[in-house]
Every structure is written in structure tokens, then in C-alpha cells.
Amino acid sequence: MKHAVDADNIASLVDIAHLVNQISFAIKQLPKLVIMSIDGAVAVRLLIWQWQRFCGGLLLMSRAIGANRANQLALTGEALNAEKAYEYGIVYRLCESDQLEKTTQQLCKRLLRGSINSYRAIKEMSWKASFENWQDYTALELRLQEDLAFKEDFKEGVLAFSEKRRPKFSGK
């Protein structure tokens, strides 16, 4: 983002946001299960003041942990560490690095005992129950992000983040 701000090429960020949104939508619509196994420090930040690609993040977080908690994280920029994400039910399981592969394999073995047809149906029902308005939401999100990306506060947020300092927002 800093390179885009320095080059005054915010439009490239908007293009990337559209692409990432399409990828995120495709993953949600995929009839197969998607398992993410991550080794290392992971934190989720929903930052209003620092424009970044949410990919439906606020919608997903609201559905996962409730609107109040999601709004608190988004408005304060508070990090959501792995332990808190686990406590909130966003993360299925935590383990030590040396146990990651074994833990992932155990989950895969457990899931392989189930019916792919049932999994496909569960994902479809989950989509219908929780994400049917995804496209409306992300269209709004992209419009707002594009608008915010061309504001001075966006540039200040990116620069402050890259310089590891508090931003000085002007409301412009």
C-alpha cells in the first residue's frame, strides 16, 4: 500500500481489492471443504482507519463473533490473536508448531470418514443461512473502500503504519 501511496497509484489498490473479493467469493462458493493450516504468529486486524482489503471481513466477523465484538475490533483496530480467535470460535484448533502437521492430518482423516455429499449440502445450507447477501455486502464494501482510498486520511494511515507511528487524521 505504501508503494501505491508513494506513486499516487491508489487505483491499483482498488483493482486488487476487486480481484481479492472475487477470489474470496469463489472460495466461499466452492462445494469442497477448505482447511487452512497456519504455522506462526497470526493476528486478524479489522482497521477502519487503515484501508485494506477486508474481503467481506466485517460481515464474516459479525456472523462469527457477533456484531458488537466485530465492531469493537474494527473501530479500535485491536488485534485478534490466535488464542482470542479460538476463544471466539473463529479458529477450530490451536497447537504447537511441531504438532501442526499431525493435527492437520488428524482433522483431514476425521473429515475423510464423512460423506462428501453431506459436506457439500452443509456448505450450501451454510451459504444460504449466513452469506446469501455476500455480493450486496461486498459491492457496498468495495464502493466505500474505493471512496476511502482516495482520501488524505488513507494516505496518512498507510504512511503512519509503515513508519510505525500514530496517524494524525484530518478528516479529509
N, C-alpha and C. Protein backbone atom coordinates (compact mmCIF):
# COMPACT_ATOMS: atom_id res chain seq x y z
N MET A 1 0.83 -1.19 0.00
CA MET A 1 0.00 0.00 0.00
C MET A 1 0.86 1.25 0.00
N LYS A 2 2.00 1.19 0.73
CA LYS A 2 2.85 2.37 0.78
C LYS A 2 3.38 2.72 -0.61
N HIS A 3 3.76 1.70 -1.39
CA HIS A 3 4.25 1.97 -2.75
C HIS A 3 3.17 2.64 -3.59
N ALA A 4 1.93 2.18 -3.44
CA ALA A 4 0.83 2.78 -4.19
C ALA A 4 0.60 4.22 -3.76
N VAL A 5 0.71 4.48 -2.46
CA VAL A 5 0.54 5.85 -1.96
C VAL A 5 1.69 6.72 -2.47
N ASP A 6 2.92 6.22 -2.35
CA ASP A 6 4.08 6.99 -2.81
C ASP A 6 4.00 7.31 -4.30
N ALA A 7 3.49 6.35 -5.08
CA ALA A 7 3.40 6.53 -6.54
C ALA A 7 2.08 7.19 -6.94
N ASP A 8 1.26 7.53 -5.94
CA ASP A 8 -0.07 8.10 -6.19
C ASP A 8 -0.85 7.23 -7.17
N ASN A 9 -0.81 5.91 -6.91
CA ASN A 9 -1.48 4.93 -7.77
C ASN A 9 -2.48 4.13 -6.94
N ILE A 10 -3.38 4.84 -6.30
CA ILE A 10 -4.39 4.21 -5.46
C ILE A 10 -5.32 3.32 -6.30
N ALA A 11 -5.51 3.67 -7.56
CA ALA A 11 -6.39 2.88 -8.43
C ALA A 11 -5.94 1.42 -8.49
N SER A 12 -4.62 1.17 -8.41
CA SER A 12 -4.13 -0.21 -8.44
C SER A 12 -4.62 -0.98 -7.22
N LEU A 13 -4.71 -0.32 -6.07
CA LEU A 13 -5.23 -0.98 -4.87
C LEU A 13 -6.70 -1.33 -5.02
N VAL A 14 -7.44 -0.47 -5.66
CA VAL A 14 -8.86 -0.72 -5.89
C VAL A 14 -9.01 -1.94 -6.80
N ASP A 15 -8.17 -2.03 -7.84
CA ASP A 15 -8.21 -3.18 -8.74
C ASP A 15 -7.89 -4.47 -7.99
N ILE A 16 -6.88 -4.42 -7.12
CA ILE A 16 -6.52 -5.59 -6.33
C ILE A 16 -7.66 -5.97 -5.40
N ALA A 17 -8.33 -4.98 -4.81
CA ALA A 17 -9.46 -5.26 -3.92
C ALA A 17 -10.56 -6.00 -4.66
N HIS A 18 -10.84 -5.61 -5.89
CA HIS A 18 -11.85 -6.30 -6.69
C HIS A 18 -11.44 -7.75 -6.95
N LEU A 19 -10.18 -7.97 -7.28
CA LEU A 19 -9.69 -9.31 -7.57
C LEU A 19 -9.74 -10.19 -6.32
N VAL A 20 -9.28 -9.67 -5.21
CA VAL A 20 -9.29 -10.45 -3.97
C VAL A 20 -10.72 -10.78 -3.56
N ASN A 21 -11.63 -9.86 -3.78
CA ASN A 21 -13.04 -10.12 -3.49
C ASN A 21 -13.55 -11.28 -4.31
N GLN A 22 -13.21 -11.33 -5.58
CA GLN A 22 -13.64 -12.43 -6.46
C GLN A 22 -13.07 -13.77 -5.98
N ILE A 23 -11.81 -13.76 -5.56
CA ILE A 23 -11.19 -14.98 -5.05
C ILE A 23 -11.87 -15.44 -3.77
N SER A 24 -12.11 -14.51 -2.87
CA SER A 24 -12.77 -14.83 -1.60
C SER A 24 -14.17 -15.39 -1.84
N PHE A 25 -14.90 -14.79 -2.76
CA PHE A 25 -16.24 -15.27 -3.11
C PHE A 25 -16.17 -16.68 -3.67
N ALA A 26 -15.20 -16.94 -4.54
CA ALA A 26 -15.05 -18.26 -5.16
C ALA A 26 -14.76 -19.33 -4.10
N ILE A 27 -13.94 -19.00 -3.12
CA ILE A 27 -13.63 -19.95 -2.05
C ILE A 27 -14.88 -20.26 -1.24
N LYS A 28 -15.66 -19.24 -0.93
CA LYS A 28 -16.90 -19.45 -0.17
C LYS A 28 -17.89 -20.31 -0.95
N GLN A 29 -17.92 -20.16 -2.26
CA GLN A 29 -18.87 -20.89 -3.11
C GLN A 29 -18.37 -22.30 -3.46
N LEU A 30 -17.11 -22.57 -3.23
CA LEU A 30 -16.53 -23.87 -3.56
C LEU A 30 -17.28 -24.96 -2.81
N PRO A 31 -17.75 -26.01 -3.51
CA PRO A 31 -18.50 -27.06 -2.81
C PRO A 31 -17.63 -27.96 -1.95
N LYS A 32 -16.31 -27.84 -2.08
CA LYS A 32 -15.39 -28.67 -1.30
C LYS A 32 -15.00 -27.95 -0.01
N LEU A 33 -14.54 -28.73 0.95
CA LEU A 33 -14.07 -28.17 2.20
C LEU A 33 -12.72 -27.48 1.98
N VAL A 34 -12.50 -26.40 2.69
CA VAL A 34 -11.23 -25.67 2.63
C VAL A 34 -10.68 -25.64 4.05
N ILE A 35 -9.47 -26.17 4.20
CA ILE A 35 -8.81 -26.19 5.51
C ILE A 35 -7.58 -25.32 5.42
N MET A 36 -7.44 -24.41 6.38
CA MET A 36 -6.28 -23.54 6.43
C MET A 36 -5.45 -23.94 7.64
N SER A 37 -4.22 -24.30 7.39
CA SER A 37 -3.30 -24.71 8.43
C SER A 37 -2.15 -23.70 8.43
N ILE A 38 -2.00 -22.96 9.51
CA ILE A 38 -1.04 -21.85 9.55
C ILE A 38 -0.04 -22.05 10.67
N ASP A 39 1.23 -21.94 10.34
CA ASP A 39 2.30 -22.03 11.33
C ASP A 39 2.90 -20.65 11.53
N GLY A 40 2.84 -20.17 12.74
CA GLY A 40 3.43 -18.87 13.03
C GLY A 40 2.44 -17.94 13.67
N ALA A 41 2.91 -16.75 13.94
CA ALA A 41 2.07 -15.74 14.56
C ALA A 41 1.00 -15.29 13.57
N VAL A 42 -0.22 -15.30 14.02
CA VAL A 42 -1.33 -14.87 13.19
C VAL A 42 -2.18 -13.92 14.00
N ALA A 43 -2.48 -12.80 13.40
CA ALA A 43 -3.38 -11.85 14.04
C ALA A 43 -4.32 -11.32 12.98
N VAL A 44 -5.55 -11.11 13.35
CA VAL A 44 -6.54 -10.55 12.45
C VAL A 44 -6.80 -9.13 12.89
N ARG A 45 -6.68 -8.20 11.97
CA ARG A 45 -6.98 -6.80 12.29
C ARG A 45 -8.01 -6.30 11.30
N LEU A 46 -9.04 -5.72 11.83
CA LEU A 46 -10.02 -5.04 11.00
C LEU A 46 -9.86 -3.56 11.30
N LEU A 47 -9.19 -2.87 10.44
CA LEU A 47 -8.87 -1.48 10.70
C LEU A 47 -9.68 -0.56 9.82
N ILE A 48 -10.48 0.29 10.42
CA ILE A 48 -11.23 1.28 9.68
C ILE A 48 -10.29 2.36 9.17
N TRP A 49 -9.37 2.81 10.01
CA TRP A 49 -8.50 3.94 9.65
C TRP A 49 -7.43 3.56 8.65
N GLN A 50 -7.12 2.29 8.56
CA GLN A 50 -6.11 1.88 7.58
C GLN A 50 -6.82 1.04 6.53
N TRP A 51 -7.06 1.61 5.37
CA TRP A 51 -7.79 0.93 4.33
C TRP A 51 -7.05 -0.33 3.93
N GLN A 52 -7.74 -1.42 3.97
CA GLN A 52 -7.17 -2.67 3.50
C GLN A 52 -8.30 -3.54 3.02
N ARG A 53 -7.97 -4.56 2.30
CA ARG A 53 -8.96 -5.45 1.71
C ARG A 53 -9.57 -6.32 2.78
N PHE A 54 -10.82 -6.07 3.11
CA PHE A 54 -11.48 -6.88 4.13
C PHE A 54 -11.98 -8.20 3.57
N CYS A 55 -12.30 -8.27 2.25
CA CYS A 55 -12.84 -9.50 1.64
C CYS A 55 -14.08 -9.99 2.39
N GLY A 56 -14.94 -9.08 2.75
CA GLY A 56 -16.13 -9.46 3.50
C GLY A 56 -15.82 -9.65 4.97
N GLY A 57 -14.65 -9.19 5.40
CA GLY A 57 -14.19 -9.44 6.76
C GLY A 57 -15.16 -9.00 7.84
N LEU A 58 -15.71 -7.81 7.73
CA LEU A 58 -16.62 -7.35 8.77
C LEU A 58 -17.91 -8.17 8.77
N LEU A 59 -18.38 -8.53 7.60
CA LEU A 59 -19.56 -9.40 7.52
C LEU A 59 -19.25 -10.75 8.15
N LEU A 60 -18.13 -11.34 7.77
CA LEU A 60 -17.76 -12.65 8.30
C LEU A 60 -17.52 -12.60 9.80
N MET A 61 -16.81 -11.57 10.25
CA MET A 61 -16.55 -11.45 11.68
C MET A 61 -17.84 -11.23 12.46
N SER A 62 -18.74 -10.42 11.93
CA SER A 62 -20.02 -10.19 12.61
C SER A 62 -20.80 -11.48 12.76
N ARG A 63 -20.79 -12.28 11.71
CA ARG A 63 -21.51 -13.56 11.76
C ARG A 63 -20.83 -14.54 12.71
N ALA A 64 -19.50 -14.49 12.78
CA ALA A 64 -18.76 -15.44 13.59
C ALA A 64 -18.75 -15.09 15.07
N ILE A 65 -18.58 -13.81 15.40
CA ILE A 65 -18.41 -13.44 16.81
C ILE A 65 -19.43 -12.44 17.30
N GLY A 66 -20.35 -12.05 16.43
CA GLY A 66 -21.37 -11.09 16.81
C GLY A 66 -20.99 -9.68 16.38
N ALA A 67 -22.00 -8.90 16.10
CA ALA A 67 -21.79 -7.54 15.58
C ALA A 67 -21.06 -6.65 16.57
N ASN A 68 -21.36 -6.77 17.86
CA ASN A 68 -20.71 -5.90 18.85
C ASN A 68 -19.21 -6.14 18.92
N ARG A 69 -18.81 -7.40 19.03
CA ARG A 69 -17.38 -7.71 19.09
C ARG A 69 -16.68 -7.31 17.79
N ALA A 70 -17.31 -7.61 16.66
CA ALA A 70 -16.70 -7.27 15.36
C ALA A 70 -16.53 -5.76 15.22
N ASN A 71 -17.54 -5.01 15.61
CA ASN A 71 -17.44 -3.55 15.55
C ASN A 71 -16.37 -3.02 16.49
N GLN A 72 -16.27 -3.59 17.68
CA GLN A 72 -15.22 -3.17 18.62
C GLN A 72 -13.84 -3.38 18.00
N LEU A 73 -13.61 -4.54 17.38
CA LEU A 73 -12.32 -4.81 16.75
C LEU A 73 -12.07 -3.86 15.59
N ALA A 74 -13.12 -3.63 14.78
CA ALA A 74 -12.95 -2.76 13.61
C ALA A 74 -12.70 -1.31 14.02
N LEU A 75 -13.42 -0.83 14.99
CA LEU A 75 -13.31 0.57 15.38
C LEU A 75 -12.05 0.88 16.17
N THR A 76 -11.59 -0.09 16.98
CA THR A 76 -10.40 0.16 17.79
C THR A 76 -9.12 -0.28 17.11
N GLY A 77 -9.22 -1.14 16.10
CA GLY A 77 -8.02 -1.67 15.46
C GLY A 77 -7.30 -2.68 16.33
N GLU A 78 -7.97 -3.15 17.38
CA GLU A 78 -7.38 -4.14 18.28
C GLU A 78 -7.08 -5.43 17.53
N ALA A 79 -5.92 -6.00 17.79
CA ALA A 79 -5.54 -7.26 17.15
C ALA A 79 -6.32 -8.40 17.79
N LEU A 80 -6.62 -9.38 17.00
CA LEU A 80 -7.27 -10.59 17.49
C LEU A 80 -6.25 -11.70 17.36
N ASN A 81 -5.62 -12.06 18.48
CA ASN A 81 -4.58 -13.08 18.42
C ASN A 81 -5.20 -14.47 18.31
N ALA A 82 -4.36 -15.47 18.12
CA ALA A 82 -4.84 -16.83 17.90
C ALA A 82 -5.67 -17.34 19.07
N GLU A 83 -5.22 -17.06 20.28
CA GLU A 83 -5.96 -17.54 21.46
C GLU A 83 -7.35 -16.91 21.54
N LYS A 84 -7.41 -15.61 21.28
CA LYS A 84 -8.71 -14.93 21.32
C LYS A 84 -9.60 -15.42 20.17
N ALA A 85 -9.01 -15.63 18.99
CA ALA A 85 -9.77 -16.16 17.86
C ALA A 85 -10.33 -17.54 18.18
N TYR A 86 -9.55 -18.34 18.88
CA TYR A 86 -10.02 -19.66 19.31
C TYR A 86 -11.15 -19.52 20.32
N GLU A 87 -10.97 -18.63 21.29
CA GLU A 87 -12.00 -18.37 22.30
C GLU A 87 -13.30 -17.92 21.65
N TYR A 88 -13.21 -17.08 20.63
CA TYR A 88 -14.39 -16.58 19.94
C TYR A 88 -15.01 -17.60 18.99
N GLY A 89 -14.30 -18.70 18.74
CA GLY A 89 -14.84 -19.73 17.85
C GLY A 89 -14.49 -19.53 16.39
N ILE A 90 -13.57 -18.64 16.09
CA ILE A 90 -13.16 -18.39 14.71
C ILE A 90 -12.17 -19.45 14.25
N VAL A 91 -11.33 -19.90 15.18
CA VAL A 91 -10.32 -20.91 14.90
C VAL A 91 -10.79 -22.22 15.51
N TYR A 92 -10.68 -23.29 14.73
CA TYR A 92 -11.14 -24.61 15.19
C TYR A 92 -10.22 -25.21 16.25
N ARG A 93 -8.91 -25.13 16.02
CA ARG A 93 -7.98 -25.76 16.93
C ARG A 93 -6.64 -25.03 16.92
N LEU A 94 -5.99 -24.97 18.07
CA LEU A 94 -4.64 -24.42 18.19
C LEU A 94 -3.70 -25.54 18.60
N CYS A 95 -2.47 -25.44 18.14
CA CYS A 95 -1.46 -26.42 18.55
C CYS A 95 -0.08 -25.79 18.42
N GLU A 96 0.91 -26.45 18.97
CA GLU A 96 2.30 -26.01 18.85
C GLU A 96 2.78 -26.28 17.42
N SER A 97 3.78 -25.53 17.01
CA SER A 97 4.32 -25.66 15.65
C SER A 97 4.71 -27.08 15.31
N ASP A 98 5.34 -27.77 16.25
CA ASP A 98 5.80 -29.12 15.95
C ASP A 98 4.66 -30.13 15.85
N GLN A 99 3.45 -29.72 16.21
CA GLN A 99 2.29 -30.59 16.13
C GLN A 99 1.34 -30.22 14.99
N LEU A 100 1.67 -29.17 14.25
CA LEU A 100 0.76 -28.65 13.23
C LEU A 100 0.42 -29.67 12.16
N GLU A 101 1.42 -30.29 11.58
CA GLU A 101 1.15 -31.25 10.51
C GLU A 101 0.34 -32.44 11.02
N LYS A 102 0.71 -32.96 12.18
CA LYS A 102 -0.03 -34.09 12.76
C LYS A 102 -1.48 -33.71 13.06
N THR A 103 -1.67 -32.54 13.64
CA THR A 103 -3.01 -32.06 13.98
C THR A 103 -3.85 -31.87 12.72
N THR A 104 -3.25 -31.31 11.68
CA THR A 104 -3.95 -31.11 10.41
C THR A 104 -4.32 -32.45 9.79
N GLN A 105 -3.39 -33.40 9.81
CA GLN A 105 -3.66 -34.72 9.25
C GLN A 105 -4.77 -35.44 10.01
N GLN A 106 -4.80 -35.27 11.32
CA GLN A 106 -5.86 -35.89 12.12
C GLN A 106 -7.23 -35.32 11.74
N LEU A 107 -7.28 -34.03 11.55
CA LEU A 107 -8.54 -33.41 11.13
C LEU A 107 -8.95 -33.92 9.75
N CYS A 108 -8.02 -33.97 8.84
CA CYS A 108 -8.33 -34.45 7.48
C CYS A 108 -8.83 -35.89 7.52
N LYS A 109 -8.17 -36.76 8.31
CA LYS A 109 -8.61 -38.16 8.43
C LYS A 109 -10.03 -38.22 8.97
N ARG A 110 -10.30 -37.40 9.96
CA ARG A 110 -11.65 -37.37 10.55
C ARG A 110 -12.68 -36.95 9.50
N LEU A 111 -12.35 -35.91 8.74
CA LEU A 111 -13.29 -35.42 7.73
C LEU A 111 -13.45 -36.42 6.58
N LEU A 112 -12.41 -37.15 6.26
CA LEU A 112 -12.48 -38.14 5.17
C LEU A 112 -13.43 -39.29 5.50
N ARG A 113 -13.74 -39.48 6.77
CA ARG A 113 -14.69 -40.52 7.17
C ARG A 113 -16.13 -40.10 6.89
N GLY A 114 -16.34 -38.81 6.64
CA GLY A 114 -17.69 -38.31 6.38
C GLY A 114 -18.05 -38.37 4.91
N SER A 115 -19.28 -38.00 4.62
CA SER A 115 -19.79 -38.03 3.25
C SER A 115 -19.54 -36.70 2.55
N ILE A 116 -18.88 -36.76 1.40
CA ILE A 116 -18.65 -35.54 0.61
C ILE A 116 -19.99 -34.92 0.20
N ASN A 117 -20.99 -35.74 -0.02
CA ASN A 117 -22.31 -35.22 -0.38
C ASN A 117 -22.91 -34.42 0.78
N SER A 118 -22.72 -34.92 1.99
CA SER A 118 -23.21 -34.19 3.16
C SER A 118 -22.46 -32.88 3.34
N TYR A 119 -21.15 -32.93 3.16
CA TYR A 119 -20.35 -31.71 3.28
C TYR A 119 -20.78 -30.66 2.27
N ARG A 120 -21.02 -31.13 1.06
CA ARG A 120 -21.46 -30.21 0.00
C ARG A 120 -22.79 -29.57 0.39
N ALA A 121 -23.70 -30.38 0.92
CA ALA A 121 -25.01 -29.87 1.34
C ALA A 121 -24.87 -28.90 2.51
N ILE A 122 -23.99 -29.22 3.46
CA ILE A 122 -23.77 -28.35 4.61
C ILE A 122 -23.24 -27.00 4.16
N LYS A 123 -22.28 -27.02 3.24
CA LYS A 123 -21.73 -25.75 2.75
C LYS A 123 -22.80 -24.93 2.03
N GLU A 124 -23.65 -25.59 1.26
CA GLU A 124 -24.72 -24.88 0.55
C GLU A 124 -25.71 -24.29 1.54
N MET A 125 -26.09 -25.06 2.55
CA MET A 125 -27.03 -24.55 3.56
C MET A 125 -26.40 -23.42 4.36
N SER A 126 -25.12 -23.56 4.69
CA SER A 126 -24.42 -22.50 5.42
C SER A 126 -24.40 -21.23 4.61
N TRP A 127 -24.13 -21.35 3.32
CA TRP A 127 -24.13 -20.17 2.44
C TRP A 127 -25.50 -19.50 2.47
N LYS A 128 -26.54 -20.30 2.31
CA LYS A 128 -27.90 -19.77 2.29
C LYS A 128 -28.24 -19.10 3.62
N ALA A 129 -27.84 -19.72 4.71
CA ALA A 129 -28.18 -19.19 6.04
C ALA A 129 -27.37 -17.96 6.42
N SER A 130 -26.12 -17.91 6.00
CA SER A 130 -25.23 -16.88 6.54
C SER A 130 -24.64 -15.91 5.54
N PHE A 131 -24.55 -16.29 4.27
CA PHE A 131 -23.77 -15.48 3.34
C PHE A 131 -24.51 -15.10 2.06
N GLU A 132 -25.80 -15.33 2.02
CA GLU A 132 -26.54 -15.09 0.78
C GLU A 132 -26.43 -13.63 0.32
N ASN A 133 -26.30 -12.71 1.26
CA ASN A 133 -26.20 -11.30 0.87
C ASN A 133 -24.74 -10.86 0.67
N TRP A 134 -23.84 -11.81 0.52
CA TRP A 134 -22.41 -11.54 0.35
C TRP A 134 -22.15 -10.55 -0.77
N GLN A 135 -22.75 -10.78 -1.92
CA GLN A 135 -22.47 -9.92 -3.07
C GLN A 135 -22.96 -8.49 -2.84
N ASP A 136 -24.11 -8.32 -2.22
CA ASP A 136 -24.59 -6.98 -1.90
C ASP A 136 -23.64 -6.30 -0.92
N TYR A 137 -23.23 -7.05 0.10
CA TYR A 137 -22.31 -6.51 1.11
C TYR A 137 -20.98 -6.11 0.48
N THR A 138 -20.39 -7.01 -0.30
CA THR A 138 -19.08 -6.71 -0.86
C THR A 138 -19.13 -5.61 -1.91
N ALA A 139 -20.26 -5.46 -2.59
CA ALA A 139 -20.39 -4.34 -3.53
C ALA A 139 -20.35 -3.02 -2.75
N LEU A 140 -21.05 -2.97 -1.62
CA LEU A 140 -21.00 -1.79 -0.76
C LEU A 140 -19.59 -1.58 -0.21
N GLU A 141 -18.99 -2.65 0.26
CA GLU A 141 -17.64 -2.59 0.81
C GLU A 141 -16.65 -2.05 -0.22
N LEU A 142 -16.70 -2.55 -1.43
CA LEU A 142 -15.78 -2.08 -2.47
C LEU A 142 -16.01 -0.61 -2.81
N ARG A 143 -17.27 -0.20 -2.86
CA ARG A 143 -17.57 1.21 -3.14
C ARG A 143 -17.01 2.11 -2.05
N LEU A 144 -17.22 1.71 -0.81
CA LEU A 144 -16.72 2.51 0.32
C LEU A 144 -15.20 2.52 0.37
N GLN A 145 -14.59 1.37 0.12
CA GLN A 145 -13.13 1.30 0.13
C GLN A 145 -12.54 2.16 -0.97
N GLU A 146 -13.16 2.14 -2.12
CA GLU A 146 -12.66 2.96 -3.22
C GLU A 146 -12.75 4.44 -2.85
N ASP A 147 -13.87 4.81 -2.25
CA ASP A 147 -14.04 6.20 -1.81
C ASP A 147 -12.99 6.57 -0.76
N LEU A 148 -12.79 5.70 0.21
CA LEU A 148 -11.83 5.97 1.28
C LEU A 148 -10.39 6.00 0.76
N ALA A 149 -10.10 5.18 -0.23
CA ALA A 149 -8.73 5.07 -0.74
C ALA A 149 -8.22 6.38 -1.33
N PHE A 150 -9.09 7.23 -1.80
CA PHE A 150 -8.67 8.48 -2.42
C PHE A 150 -8.70 9.66 -1.45
N LYS A 151 -8.88 9.38 -0.17
CA LYS A 151 -8.90 10.43 0.84
C LYS A 151 -7.52 10.57 1.48
N GLU A 152 -7.25 11.77 1.98
CA GLU A 152 -5.97 12.04 2.62
C GLU A 152 -5.75 11.16 3.86
N ASP A 153 -6.82 10.87 4.59
CA ASP A 153 -6.69 10.05 5.79
C ASP A 153 -6.16 8.66 5.46
N PHE A 154 -6.53 8.12 4.30
CA PHE A 154 -6.00 6.82 3.88
C PHE A 154 -4.49 6.89 3.74
N LYS A 155 -4.04 7.90 3.02
CA LYS A 155 -2.60 8.05 2.80
C LYS A 155 -1.87 8.21 4.14
N GLU A 156 -2.43 9.01 5.03
CA GLU A 156 -1.83 9.21 6.34
C GLU A 156 -1.79 7.90 7.11
N GLY A 157 -2.86 7.12 7.04
CA GLY A 157 -2.89 5.83 7.74
C GLY A 157 -1.82 4.88 7.24
N VAL A 158 -1.65 4.81 5.93
CA VAL A 158 -0.64 3.94 5.34
C VAL A 158 0.76 4.39 5.74
N LEU A 159 1.01 5.69 5.62
CA LEU A 159 2.33 6.22 5.97
C LEU A 159 2.64 6.01 7.45
N ALA A 160 1.67 6.29 8.29
CA ALA A 160 1.87 6.13 9.74
C ALA A 160 2.15 4.67 10.07
N PHE A 161 1.42 3.77 9.44
CA PHE A 161 1.64 2.35 9.69
C PHE A 161 3.04 1.93 9.26
N SER A 162 3.46 2.37 8.08
CA SER A 162 4.78 1.99 7.56
C SER A 162 5.90 2.64 8.37
N GLU A 163 5.62 3.79 8.96
CA GLU A 163 6.62 4.49 9.78
C GLU A 163 6.51 4.14 11.27
N LYS A 164 5.58 3.24 11.59
CA LYS A 164 5.37 2.78 12.96
C LYS A 164 5.11 3.93 13.92
N ARG A 165 4.16 4.77 13.53
CA ARG A 165 3.78 5.90 14.37
C ARG A 165 2.26 6.00 14.39
N ARG A 166 1.75 6.79 15.30
CA ARG A 166 0.30 7.01 15.34
C ARG A 166 -0.09 7.93 14.20
N PRO A 167 -1.20 7.62 13.54
CA PRO A 167 -1.65 8.51 12.46
C PRO A 167 -2.22 9.81 13.01
N LYS A 168 -2.12 10.84 12.21
CA LYS A 168 -2.71 12.14 12.54
C LYS A 168 -3.77 12.43 11.47
N PHE A 169 -4.98 12.01 11.74
CA PHE A 169 -6.05 12.15 10.76
C PHE A 169 -6.64 13.55 10.76
N SER A 170 -7.00 14.01 9.59
CA SER A 170 -7.55 15.36 9.43
C SER A 170 -9.03 15.34 9.07
N GLY A 171 -9.56 14.16 8.75
CA GLY A 171 -10.95 14.08 8.31
C GLY A 171 -11.11 14.40 6.83
N LYS A 172 -10.00 14.52 6.13
CA LYS A 172 -10.05 14.82 4.68
C LYS A 172 -9.79 13.59 3.88
